[in-house]
Amino acid sequence: MICTCTHQDCYFIFEVHTRNLPDRCPDCGNRTVHPASPDEIAWFLREHGKEAKAG
């Protein structure tokens, strides 16, 4: 799952290898973590040289 921190000074987009949303952002520690939007997922995949998975 790809997640986004929406804290105003962070906005970290990261991947977790579980289906559970983490309690805190691994970058800033805030609890403002949400599942990433389709645009954020596309950006993350491009930045990390990964391809989108079907489905």
Protein backbone atom coordinates (compact mmCIF):
# COMPACT_ATOMS: atom_id res chain seq x y z
CA MET A 1 0.00 0.00 0.00
CA ILE A 2 1.22 3.48 -0.78
CA CYS A 3 0.48 6.12 1.84
CA THR A 4 0.78 9.88 2.16
CA CYS A 5 1.44 12.09 5.13
CA THR A 6 -0.69 15.21 4.78
CA HIS A 7 1.04 17.22 7.52
CA GLN A 8 1.73 20.71 6.14
CA ASP A 9 5.52 20.50 6.55
CA CYS A 10 5.99 16.88 5.48
CA TYR A 11 3.85 15.46 2.66
CA PHE A 12 5.92 12.26 2.57
CA ILE A 13 4.72 9.55 0.16
CA PHE A 14 5.85 6.06 1.15
CA GLU A 15 5.12 2.37 0.72
CA VAL A 16 4.20 -0.11 3.43
CA HIS A 17 4.24 -3.83 2.83
CA THR A 18 1.02 -4.57 4.71
CA ARG A 19 -2.63 -3.80 4.11
CA ASN A 20 -2.82 -1.83 7.37
CA LEU A 21 -2.48 1.92 7.42
CA PRO A 22 0.41 2.92 9.71
CA ASP A 23 -0.38 4.94 12.84
CA ARG A 24 2.31 7.53 12.16
CA CYS A 25 4.38 8.92 9.32
CA PRO A 26 7.85 7.31 9.29
CA ASP A 27 9.35 10.66 8.28
CA CYS A 28 7.83 13.22 10.68
CA GLY A 29 5.91 11.08 13.20
CA ASN A 30 2.56 12.84 12.77
CA ARG A 31 -0.69 10.90 12.69
CA THR A 32 -1.82 12.49 9.44
CA VAL A 33 -1.34 9.39 7.26
CA HIS A 34 -3.86 8.44 4.59
CA PRO A 35 -3.96 6.07 1.61
CA ALA A 36 -2.36 7.79 -1.37
CA SER A 37 -4.51 9.21 -4.16
CA PRO A 38 -4.17 7.82 -7.71
CA ASP A 39 -1.99 10.81 -8.67
CA GLU A 40 0.27 10.30 -5.66
CA ILE A 41 0.57 6.59 -6.43
CA ALA A 42 1.54 7.36 -10.04
CA TRP A 43 4.19 9.84 -8.85
CA PHE A 44 5.60 7.35 -6.34
CA LEU A 45 5.84 4.60 -8.95
CA ARG A 46 7.59 6.90 -11.44
CA GLU A 47 10.05 8.15 -8.82
CA HIS A 48 10.94 4.64 -7.73
CA GLY A 49 11.11 3.08 -11.18
CA LYS A 50 8.21 0.74 -10.60
CA GLU A 51 5.30 -0.10 -12.84
CA ALA A 52 1.66 0.06 -11.85
CA LYS A 53 0.05 -3.30 -11.15
CA ALA A 54 -3.23 -4.17 -12.82
CA GLY A 55 -6.29 -4.36 -10.61
